[in-house]
Protein backbone atom coordinates (compact mmCIF):
# COMPACT_ATOMS: atom_id res chain seq x y z
CA MET A 1 0.00 0.00 0.00
CA ALA A 2 1.15 3.52 -0.78
CA THR A 3 2.62 5.90 1.79
CA LEU A 4 2.03 9.64 2.04
CA SER A 5 5.47 10.25 0.55
CA GLU A 6 4.72 8.00 -2.43
CA ILE A 7 1.35 9.64 -3.07
CA ARG A 8 2.93 13.10 -2.90
CA ASP A 9 5.66 12.04 -5.34
CA ALA A 10 3.02 10.73 -7.75
CA VAL A 11 1.19 14.07 -7.66
CA LYS A 12 4.40 16.02 -8.22
CA ASP A 13 5.59 13.73 -11.01
CA ASP A 14 2.28 13.83 -12.87
CA LEU A 15 2.14 17.64 -12.70
CA ASP A 16 5.90 18.19 -13.09
CA LEU A 17 6.00 20.17 -9.85
CA GLU A 18 9.50 19.26 -8.72
CA ASP A 19 10.96 22.67 -9.58
CA GLU A 20 7.79 24.71 -8.98
CA ASP A 21 7.52 27.06 -6.01
CA PHE A 22 3.85 28.07 -6.12
CA ILE A 23 2.92 25.09 -3.94
CA ASP A 24 4.95 23.28 -1.30
CA ASN A 25 4.87 19.76 0.10
CA ASP A 26 2.81 20.74 3.14
CA GLU A 27 0.04 22.11 0.94
CA ILE A 28 0.10 19.06 -1.32
CA ASP A 29 -0.17 16.89 1.79
CA ARG A 30 -3.24 18.84 2.94
CA HIS A 31 -4.88 18.20 -0.43
CA ILE A 32 -4.01 14.51 -0.13
CA ARG A 33 -5.63 14.32 3.30
CA ARG A 34 -8.73 16.04 1.95
CA GLY A 35 -8.77 13.45 -0.84
CA VAL A 36 -8.63 10.63 1.71
CA LYS A 37 -11.59 12.13 3.60
CA SER A 38 -13.52 12.48 0.35
CA ALA A 39 -12.78 8.85 -0.55
CA GLN A 40 -13.95 7.73 2.88
CA LYS A 41 -17.28 9.52 2.43
CA ILE A 42 -17.71 7.77 -0.91
CA ALA A 43 -16.94 4.39 0.66
CA LEU A 44 -19.27 4.98 3.61
CA GLY A 45 -22.06 5.93 1.23
CA LEU A 46 -21.74 2.57 -0.49
CA ASN A 47 -20.95 0.23 2.38
CA GLU A 48 -20.30 1.49 5.90
CA ASP A 49 -18.94 -1.86 6.96
CA TYR A 50 -15.87 -1.39 4.76
CA PHE A 51 -14.54 0.42 7.84
CA LEU A 52 -15.85 -2.03 10.45
CA ALA A 53 -13.29 -2.64 13.20
CA LYS A 54 -13.23 -4.01 16.72
CA ALA A 55 -11.35 -3.44 19.95
CA THR A 56 -11.37 -4.73 23.50
CA ILE A 57 -12.54 -2.69 26.48
CA THR A 58 -10.78 -3.81 29.64
CA LEU A 59 -13.10 -3.19 32.55
CA VAL A 60 -11.96 -1.96 35.95
CA GLY A 61 -14.24 -3.01 38.78
CA GLY A 62 -16.26 -0.06 40.07
CA THR A 63 -15.55 2.12 37.00
CA ALA A 64 -18.43 3.11 34.72
CA GLU A 65 -16.77 5.34 32.08
CA TYR A 66 -14.35 4.22 29.34
CA SER A 67 -12.75 5.96 26.38
CA LEU A 68 -13.95 5.22 22.87
CA PRO A 69 -11.45 3.41 20.62
CA ALA A 70 -8.84 5.57 18.93
CA GLY A 71 -9.79 6.31 15.35
CA ILE A 72 -13.54 5.78 15.73
CA TYR A 73 -15.58 7.54 13.03
CA ALA A 74 -18.25 9.97 14.26
CA HIS A 75 -18.77 7.94 17.48
CA LYS A 76 -20.41 5.19 15.43
CA VAL A 77 -20.68 2.10 17.60
CA ARG A 78 -22.10 -1.00 15.94
CA LYS A 79 -22.15 -3.46 18.80
CA LEU A 80 -20.91 -4.09 22.32
CA LEU A 81 -20.47 -7.72 23.33
CA TRP A 82 -19.90 -9.06 26.83
CA ASP A 83 -17.97 -12.35 26.96
CA ASP A 84 -16.29 -13.46 30.18
CA GLY A 85 -15.74 -17.05 29.06
CA SER A 86 -18.81 -18.40 30.77
CA GLU A 87 -21.51 -16.13 29.39
CA SER A 88 -21.90 -13.81 26.42
CA TYR A 89 -24.58 -11.28 25.52
CA VAL A 90 -25.05 -8.07 23.55
CA ILE A 91 -24.86 -4.92 25.68
CA THR A 92 -27.67 -2.74 24.38
CA ARG A 93 -27.85 1.04 24.39
CA VAL A 94 -30.08 2.99 26.76
CA LYS A 95 -32.56 4.44 24.29
CA ASN A 96 -33.79 7.28 26.45
CA LEU A 97 -32.03 9.34 29.11
CA GLU A 98 -35.03 8.99 31.38
CA ASN A 99 -34.41 5.25 31.40
CA THR A 100 -31.00 5.44 33.09
CA ALA A 101 -32.50 5.67 36.58
CA SER A 102 -34.79 2.74 35.78
CA VAL A 103 -31.83 0.69 34.59
CA MET A 104 -29.86 1.50 37.74
CA ASN A 105 -32.78 0.52 39.97
CA THR A 106 -33.85 -2.57 38.04
CA PHE A 107 -30.55 -4.17 37.00
CA GLN A 108 -27.77 -4.69 39.51
CA SER A 109 -25.68 -7.33 37.74
CA ASP A 110 -22.89 -7.34 35.17
CA ARG A 111 -25.17 -9.70 33.26
CA ASP A 112 -27.58 -6.83 32.58
CA LEU A 113 -25.32 -3.98 31.44
CA LYS A 114 -26.58 -1.14 29.25
CA TYR A 115 -24.57 1.75 27.85
CA LEU A 116 -24.68 5.35 26.69
CA ILE A 117 -22.09 7.52 24.96
CA VAL A 118 -21.68 10.62 27.11
CA THR A 119 -19.43 13.63 26.53
CA THR A 120 -17.31 14.04 29.65
CA GLY A 121 -15.03 17.04 29.33
CA ALA A 122 -13.59 17.18 25.83
CA GLU A 123 -13.78 13.46 25.16
CA PRO A 124 -16.92 11.35 24.64
CA LYS A 125 -16.92 8.19 26.74
CA ILE A 126 -18.89 4.97 26.96
CA THR A 127 -20.78 4.89 30.24
CA PHE A 128 -22.10 1.56 31.51
CA TYR A 129 -25.26 1.20 33.59
CA PRO A 130 -25.11 -0.15 36.24
CA THR A 131 -21.40 0.33 37.03
CA PRO A 132 -19.60 -2.96 36.24
CA SER A 133 -18.19 -4.86 39.19
CA GLN A 134 -16.10 -7.35 37.20
CA ALA A 135 -12.63 -6.51 35.91
CA GLY A 136 -10.82 -7.70 32.82
CA PRO A 137 -10.95 -7.67 28.99
CA VAL A 138 -14.52 -8.90 28.79
CA VAL A 139 -16.15 -6.34 26.45
CA THR A 140 -15.62 -6.22 22.68
CA ILE A 141 -16.67 -3.08 20.83
CA TRP A 142 -17.44 -3.14 17.10
CA PHE A 143 -17.24 0.30 15.52
CA LEU A 144 -16.65 2.22 12.31
CA ARG A 145 -13.07 3.43 12.08
CA THR A 146 -11.84 6.48 10.26
CA ALA A 147 -9.33 6.23 7.43
CA ALA A 148 -5.71 6.94 8.35
CA SER A 149 -5.09 10.69 8.13
CA LEU A 150 -1.58 10.44 6.60
CA GLU A 151 0.42 12.84 8.76
CA ALA A 152 3.92 11.35 8.49
CA ASN A 153 5.74 10.46 5.28
CA SER A 154 5.65 6.77 6.18
CA ASP A 155 1.91 6.69 7.01
CA VAL A 156 0.10 4.22 4.75
CA LEU A 157 -3.13 4.80 2.82
CA ASP A 158 -5.37 2.14 4.35
CA VAL A 159 -8.03 2.48 1.65
CA PRO A 160 -5.89 1.03 -1.16
CA GLU A 161 -8.71 1.13 -3.70
CA ALA A 162 -8.72 4.93 -3.36
CA TYR A 163 -5.10 5.52 -4.43
CA ASP A 164 -5.84 6.82 -7.94
CA TYR A 165 -8.77 8.89 -6.68
CA VAL A 166 -6.67 10.53 -3.95
CA VAL A 167 -3.85 11.32 -6.38
CA GLN A 168 -6.27 12.89 -8.85
CA PHE A 169 -8.05 14.81 -6.07
CA ALA A 170 -4.74 16.38 -5.02
CA LYS A 171 -3.81 17.07 -8.65
CA ASP A 172 -7.12 18.87 -9.18
CA ALA A 173 -6.47 21.05 -6.13
CA CYS A 174 -2.95 21.92 -7.27
CA LEU A 175 -4.10 22.79 -10.79
CA ASN A 176 -6.99 24.86 -9.44
CA LYS A 177 -4.54 26.90 -7.36
CA GLU A 178 -2.25 27.43 -10.34
CA ARG A 179 -5.21 28.58 -12.46
CA GLY A 180 -6.68 30.77 -9.73
CA THR A 181 -9.90 28.73 -9.66
CA PRO A 182 -10.02 27.22 -6.13
CA ASP A 183 -13.78 26.63 -6.32
CA ALA A 184 -13.74 24.87 -9.69
CA GLN A 185 -15.94 21.82 -10.18
CA PRO A 186 -14.27 18.38 -10.12
CA SER A 187 -12.42 17.63 -13.33
CA ALA A 188 -13.55 14.95 -15.77
CA ALA A 189 -10.53 12.92 -14.67
CA LEU A 190 -11.57 13.10 -11.01
CA LYS A 191 -15.16 12.16 -11.85
CA GLU A 192 -13.85 9.15 -13.77
CA GLU A 193 -11.69 8.10 -10.81
CA GLN A 194 -14.72 8.40 -8.52
CA THR A 195 -16.73 6.18 -10.85
CA LEU A 196 -13.93 3.60 -10.86
CA LEU A 197 -13.60 3.80 -7.08
CA GLU A 198 -17.33 3.29 -6.60
CA ALA A 199 -17.30 0.31 -8.96
CA ASP A 200 -14.36 -1.22 -7.09
CA LEU A 201 -16.01 -0.73 -3.72
CA MET A 202 -19.33 -2.08 -4.98
CA ASN A 203 -17.59 -5.37 -5.71
CA ARG A 204 -17.20 -5.70 -1.96
CA VAL A 205 -20.93 -5.37 -1.31
CA PRO A 206 -22.69 -8.79 -1.25
CA ASP A 207 -25.13 -9.42 -4.11
CA ASP A 208 -28.47 -10.59 -2.71
CA ASP A 209 -28.76 -13.08 -5.57
CA ASN A 210 -25.49 -14.76 -4.64
CA PHE A 211 -25.20 -14.35 -0.88
CA ALA A 212 -27.43 -15.14 2.05
CA GLN A 213 -29.11 -12.11 3.54
CA PRO A 214 -26.96 -10.96 6.50
CA ASP A 215 -28.46 -10.89 9.97
CA MET A 216 -28.76 -7.14 10.54
CA SER A 217 -29.70 -7.67 14.19
CA PHE A 218 -25.93 -7.92 14.67
CA TYR A 219 -25.76 -4.14 14.43
CA GLU A 220 -26.85 -1.37 16.69
CA GLU A 221 -26.18 2.17 15.55
CA CYS A 222 -25.32 4.82 18.08
CA ASN A 223 -24.79 8.45 17.04
């Protein structure tokens, strides 16, 4: 998979920018990162689960609040699963704030956990109701991750299908600056790359005629 440095070099080579001074590497990198975000939106519009990931939440007895996984996209939690080796169940979300008191009064066991995502300070956290008493890596969280932001030269584009789209996106931005048209519409070349990207990503979406219908009860969306 391509690194930020390799993507930048491709943009500069295609536009013959090596000896140009109207745009520097930092600006090209910003355009590349914008291209990655644009590609992610395209992918999410076709199949959110392209970015499905999971992590483990290690509980501390008597602690209710836990940080969301690093790199989570828009706080989108798909599923929380309790599994302590002897019992497993889906931890469901408290649907209504008024229900938190009811949950606290009705359920007193780790076998009956519910959760909410609550903003505590500057960082949203998962809050369990009632407060778990058991400790250990017993909760798995399934979530939508964000694409790598490509900050360092060695950072890798983790949406490999989007390479050509991201390169063309950055090329469009560079050319628009050179022409003094920063608000220009996407070029024909970029539109073509988007079409190709969408076609490539669509190949990852199961065809109902060829695949069994997935069990969508697996998922629970939390915004």
